Amino acid sequence: MKIKSGKKNSPNLDKITYNFNWLSDLVVFMILFTKTNNKRIKVMEYFIDLIDELINIYNYNSAFALYAGIVRSPLDRVKHLIQNRISYRHKHKLNDI
């Protein structure tokens, strides 16, 4: 896959940026295109647990990409449906991140 960039001397940085944005978009897609609220909650809790595990293995770039997906504005329209039903443990984990 070719990534277009304005500069030709930083292909590695372009790839890191592309992967970050791709992971962030994946989180939004997975949560928004889940049909029911119960499944959305399970997907959100899965990503919160995954972020916690990524931090435990010191993979901060991927953890922050997933976190960036969770807090993006497209999820604002369903956040009020999800936030009140996420378990206390997951809310606490998300606040600690």
N, C-alpha and C. Protein backbone atom coordinates (compact mmCIF):
# COMPACT_ATOMS: atom_id res chain seq x y z
N MET A 1 0.84 -1.16 0.00
CA MET A 1 0.00 0.00 0.00
C MET A 1 0.89 1.24 0.00
N LYS A 2 0.64 2.13 -0.92
CA LYS A 2 1.42 3.35 -1.04
C LYS A 2 0.74 4.45 -0.25
N ILE A 3 1.51 5.11 0.56
CA ILE A 3 1.01 6.23 1.35
C ILE A 3 1.54 7.51 0.74
N LYS A 4 0.61 8.40 0.41
CA LYS A 4 1.04 9.66 -0.18
C LYS A 4 1.47 10.62 0.92
N SER A 5 2.55 11.28 0.69
CA SER A 5 3.08 12.21 1.68
C SER A 5 3.65 13.42 0.97
N GLY A 6 3.64 14.53 1.65
CA GLY A 6 4.22 15.73 1.09
C GLY A 6 5.73 15.68 1.12
N LYS A 7 6.29 14.92 2.03
CA LYS A 7 7.74 14.80 2.15
C LYS A 7 8.15 13.38 1.81
N LYS A 8 9.26 13.25 1.13
CA LYS A 8 9.71 11.93 0.71
C LYS A 8 10.77 11.36 1.63
N ASN A 9 11.20 12.11 2.61
CA ASN A 9 12.28 11.63 3.46
C ASN A 9 11.81 11.12 4.81
N SER A 10 10.53 10.85 4.98
CA SER A 10 10.04 10.31 6.26
C SER A 10 8.97 9.24 6.04
N PRO A 11 9.26 8.19 5.30
CA PRO A 11 8.23 7.16 5.06
C PRO A 11 7.85 6.40 6.33
N ASN A 12 8.78 6.23 7.25
CA ASN A 12 8.45 5.51 8.48
C ASN A 12 7.47 6.31 9.34
N LEU A 13 7.68 7.60 9.41
CA LEU A 13 6.76 8.45 10.17
C LEU A 13 5.38 8.47 9.52
N ASP A 14 5.35 8.47 8.20
CA ASP A 14 4.08 8.42 7.49
C ASP A 14 3.34 7.12 7.80
N LYS A 15 4.04 6.03 7.86
CA LYS A 15 3.43 4.73 8.15
C LYS A 15 2.90 4.67 9.59
N ILE A 16 3.65 5.22 10.53
CA ILE A 16 3.20 5.27 11.92
C ILE A 16 1.92 6.10 12.03
N THR A 17 1.88 7.23 11.36
CA THR A 17 0.70 8.09 11.38
C THR A 17 -0.49 7.39 10.74
N TYR A 18 -0.24 6.72 9.62
CA TYR A 18 -1.31 5.98 8.93
C TYR A 18 -1.89 4.89 9.85
N ASN A 19 -1.03 4.13 10.50
CA ASN A 19 -1.48 3.06 11.39
C ASN A 19 -2.26 3.61 12.59
N PHE A 20 -1.81 4.73 13.14
CA PHE A 20 -2.51 5.36 14.26
C PHE A 20 -3.92 5.75 13.84
N ASN A 21 -4.04 6.43 12.70
CA ASN A 21 -5.35 6.86 12.22
C ASN A 21 -6.24 5.68 11.88
N TRP A 22 -5.64 4.61 11.33
CA TRP A 22 -6.41 3.42 10.98
C TRP A 22 -6.98 2.77 12.23
N LEU A 23 -6.18 2.63 13.28
CA LEU A 23 -6.67 2.04 14.53
C LEU A 23 -7.77 2.89 15.15
N SER A 24 -7.59 4.19 15.13
CA SER A 24 -8.59 5.09 15.69
C SER A 24 -9.90 4.98 14.92
N ASP A 25 -9.82 4.94 13.61
CA ASP A 25 -11.02 4.78 12.78
C ASP A 25 -11.69 3.43 13.00
N LEU A 26 -10.89 2.39 13.23
CA LEU A 26 -11.43 1.06 13.47
C LEU A 26 -12.30 1.03 14.72
N VAL A 27 -11.86 1.69 15.77
CA VAL A 27 -12.64 1.73 17.01
C VAL A 27 -13.99 2.40 16.76
N VAL A 28 -13.97 3.53 16.09
CA VAL A 28 -15.21 4.24 15.80
C VAL A 28 -16.13 3.37 14.95
N PHE A 29 -15.58 2.75 13.92
CA PHE A 29 -16.37 1.89 13.04
C PHE A 29 -16.99 0.73 13.81
N MET A 30 -16.19 0.06 14.62
CA MET A 30 -16.68 -1.11 15.35
C MET A 30 -17.80 -0.74 16.32
N ILE A 31 -17.70 0.40 16.95
CA ILE A 31 -18.73 0.80 17.92
C ILE A 31 -19.98 1.30 17.22
N LEU A 32 -19.82 2.14 16.20
CA LEU A 32 -20.99 2.72 15.54
C LEU A 32 -21.77 1.72 14.70
N PHE A 33 -21.10 0.76 14.10
CA PHE A 33 -21.79 -0.17 13.22
C PHE A 33 -22.24 -1.45 13.91
N THR A 34 -22.19 -1.45 15.22
CA THR A 34 -22.77 -2.54 16.00
C THR A 34 -24.26 -2.23 16.15
N LYS A 35 -25.09 -3.23 15.94
CA LYS A 35 -26.53 -3.00 15.83
C LYS A 35 -27.22 -2.60 17.13
N THR A 36 -26.94 -3.30 18.22
CA THR A 36 -27.68 -3.05 19.46
C THR A 36 -26.80 -2.37 20.49
N ASN A 37 -27.45 -1.71 21.43
CA ASN A 37 -26.70 -1.01 22.49
C ASN A 37 -25.95 -1.98 23.39
N ASN A 38 -26.53 -3.13 23.66
CA ASN A 38 -25.84 -4.11 24.50
C ASN A 38 -24.54 -4.57 23.86
N LYS A 39 -24.57 -4.78 22.55
CA LYS A 39 -23.35 -5.18 21.85
C LYS A 39 -22.35 -4.03 21.79
N ARG A 40 -22.86 -2.80 21.65
CA ARG A 40 -21.96 -1.63 21.66
C ARG A 40 -21.23 -1.54 22.99
N ILE A 41 -21.94 -1.81 24.06
CA ILE A 41 -21.33 -1.76 25.39
C ILE A 41 -20.24 -2.82 25.50
N LYS A 42 -20.51 -4.02 25.00
CA LYS A 42 -19.50 -5.09 25.04
C LYS A 42 -18.28 -4.72 24.21
N VAL A 43 -18.49 -4.11 23.05
CA VAL A 43 -17.36 -3.70 22.20
C VAL A 43 -16.55 -2.61 22.90
N MET A 44 -17.24 -1.65 23.49
CA MET A 44 -16.56 -0.56 24.21
C MET A 44 -15.76 -1.13 25.38
N GLU A 45 -16.34 -2.03 26.14
CA GLU A 45 -15.63 -2.64 27.26
C GLU A 45 -14.43 -3.45 26.78
N TYR A 46 -14.59 -4.12 25.63
CA TYR A 46 -13.46 -4.87 25.07
C TYR A 46 -12.30 -3.92 24.74
N PHE A 47 -12.60 -2.80 24.11
CA PHE A 47 -11.54 -1.86 23.76
C PHE A 47 -10.90 -1.25 25.00
N ILE A 48 -11.68 -1.01 26.05
CA ILE A 48 -11.11 -0.48 27.30
C ILE A 48 -10.15 -1.50 27.91
N ASP A 49 -10.56 -2.77 27.91
CA ASP A 49 -9.66 -3.82 28.42
C ASP A 49 -8.41 -3.94 27.55
N LEU A 50 -8.58 -3.82 26.23
CA LEU A 50 -7.44 -3.91 25.32
C LEU A 50 -6.47 -2.75 25.54
N ILE A 51 -6.99 -1.56 25.75
CA ILE A 51 -6.12 -0.41 26.03
C ILE A 51 -5.32 -0.65 27.30
N ASP A 52 -5.98 -1.18 28.32
CA ASP A 52 -5.30 -1.47 29.58
C ASP A 52 -4.17 -2.49 29.36
N GLU A 53 -4.43 -3.53 28.60
CA GLU A 53 -3.40 -4.53 28.33
C GLU A 53 -2.25 -3.96 27.49
N LEU A 54 -2.57 -3.12 26.52
CA LEU A 54 -1.52 -2.49 25.71
C LEU A 54 -0.61 -1.61 26.57
N ILE A 55 -1.19 -0.91 27.53
CA ILE A 55 -0.39 -0.10 28.44
C ILE A 55 0.49 -1.00 29.30
N ASN A 56 -0.05 -2.14 29.73
CA ASN A 56 0.74 -3.06 30.55
C ASN A 56 1.95 -3.62 29.82
N ILE A 57 1.86 -3.74 28.49
CA ILE A 57 3.01 -4.24 27.72
C ILE A 57 3.79 -3.09 27.07
N TYR A 58 3.52 -1.88 27.53
CA TYR A 58 4.23 -0.67 27.11
C TYR A 58 4.06 -0.34 25.62
N ASN A 59 2.92 -0.69 25.06
CA ASN A 59 2.61 -0.33 23.68
C ASN A 59 1.73 0.92 23.70
N TYR A 60 2.36 2.04 24.01
CA TYR A 60 1.62 3.28 24.22
C TYR A 60 1.03 3.85 22.93
N ASN A 61 1.69 3.65 21.80
CA ASN A 61 1.18 4.20 20.55
C ASN A 61 -0.16 3.58 20.19
N SER A 62 -0.25 2.26 20.24
CA SER A 62 -1.51 1.59 19.93
C SER A 62 -2.57 1.88 20.98
N ALA A 63 -2.17 1.93 22.24
CA ALA A 63 -3.12 2.24 23.31
C ALA A 63 -3.72 3.63 23.12
N PHE A 64 -2.87 4.59 22.79
CA PHE A 64 -3.39 5.94 22.60
C PHE A 64 -4.24 6.04 21.33
N ALA A 65 -3.92 5.27 20.30
CA ALA A 65 -4.73 5.26 19.08
C ALA A 65 -6.13 4.74 19.39
N LEU A 66 -6.22 3.67 20.17
CA LEU A 66 -7.53 3.13 20.54
C LEU A 66 -8.29 4.10 21.44
N TYR A 67 -7.58 4.73 22.37
CA TYR A 67 -8.21 5.72 23.24
C TYR A 67 -8.72 6.92 22.42
N ALA A 68 -7.93 7.33 21.44
CA ALA A 68 -8.34 8.45 20.58
C ALA A 68 -9.62 8.09 19.82
N GLY A 69 -9.76 6.83 19.45
CA GLY A 69 -10.99 6.40 18.79
C GLY A 69 -12.19 6.45 19.71
N ILE A 70 -11.99 6.08 20.97
CA ILE A 70 -13.10 6.09 21.93
C ILE A 70 -13.60 7.50 22.21
N VAL A 71 -12.71 8.47 22.23
CA VAL A 71 -13.11 9.84 22.58
C VAL A 71 -13.38 10.72 21.36
N ARG A 72 -13.41 10.15 20.17
CA ARG A 72 -13.66 10.95 18.98
C ARG A 72 -15.10 11.43 18.91
N SER A 73 -15.30 12.51 18.18
CA SER A 73 -16.62 13.14 18.13
C SER A 73 -17.71 12.30 17.47
N PRO A 74 -17.44 11.41 16.50
CA PRO A 74 -18.55 10.61 15.97
C PRO A 74 -19.24 9.74 17.02
N LEU A 75 -18.55 9.43 18.10
CA LEU A 75 -19.17 8.61 19.15
C LEU A 75 -19.99 9.43 20.13
N ASP A 76 -19.96 10.75 20.01
CA ASP A 76 -20.73 11.59 20.93
C ASP A 76 -22.23 11.32 20.84
N ARG A 77 -22.70 10.98 19.67
CA ARG A 77 -24.15 10.77 19.51
C ARG A 77 -24.65 9.49 20.17
N VAL A 78 -23.76 8.53 20.43
CA VAL A 78 -24.18 7.31 21.12
C VAL A 78 -23.57 7.19 22.51
N LYS A 79 -22.72 8.13 22.87
CA LYS A 79 -22.03 8.04 24.17
C LYS A 79 -23.01 8.07 25.33
N HIS A 80 -24.06 8.88 25.24
CA HIS A 80 -25.02 8.94 26.34
C HIS A 80 -25.78 7.62 26.50
N LEU A 81 -25.89 6.83 25.44
CA LEU A 81 -26.53 5.53 25.54
C LEU A 81 -25.61 4.49 26.16
N ILE A 82 -24.32 4.68 25.98
CA ILE A 82 -23.34 3.69 26.41
C ILE A 82 -22.80 4.01 27.81
N GLN A 83 -22.48 5.28 28.08
CA GLN A 83 -21.77 5.67 29.30
C GLN A 83 -22.48 5.21 30.57
N ASN A 84 -23.78 5.30 30.62
CA ASN A 84 -24.50 4.96 31.84
C ASN A 84 -24.61 3.46 32.07
N ARG A 85 -24.30 2.67 31.04
CA ARG A 85 -24.47 1.22 31.16
C ARG A 85 -23.16 0.46 31.19
N ILE A 86 -22.04 1.15 31.06
CA ILE A 86 -20.74 0.48 31.17
C ILE A 86 -20.51 0.15 32.64
N SER A 87 -19.88 -0.99 32.87
CA SER A 87 -19.64 -1.42 34.25
C SER A 87 -18.75 -0.41 34.98
N TYR A 88 -18.87 -0.41 36.29
CA TYR A 88 -18.08 0.52 37.11
C TYR A 88 -16.59 0.29 36.91
N ARG A 89 -16.19 -0.98 36.79
CA ARG A 89 -14.78 -1.32 36.60
C ARG A 89 -14.24 -0.70 35.31
N HIS A 90 -15.02 -0.75 34.24
CA HIS A 90 -14.57 -0.20 32.96
C HIS A 90 -14.57 1.33 32.98
N LYS A 91 -15.55 1.92 33.65
CA LYS A 91 -15.55 3.38 33.78
C LYS A 91 -14.30 3.84 34.54
N HIS A 92 -13.97 3.12 35.60
CA HIS A 92 -12.81 3.45 36.40
C HIS A 92 -11.53 3.29 35.57
N LYS A 93 -11.42 2.22 34.80
CA LYS A 93 -10.25 2.02 33.94
C LYS A 93 -10.11 3.14 32.93
N LEU A 94 -11.24 3.53 32.31
CA LEU A 94 -11.21 4.58 31.30
C LEU A 94 -10.79 5.90 31.91
N ASN A 95 -11.24 6.20 33.12
CA ASN A 95 -10.85 7.44 33.78
C ASN A 95 -9.38 7.42 34.18
N ASP A 96 -8.85 6.26 34.51
CA ASP A 96 -7.44 6.15 34.87
C ASP A 96 -6.52 6.32 33.68
N ILE A 97 -7.01 5.97 32.51
CA ILE A 97 -6.18 6.09 31.30
C ILE A 97 -6.04 7.56 31.00
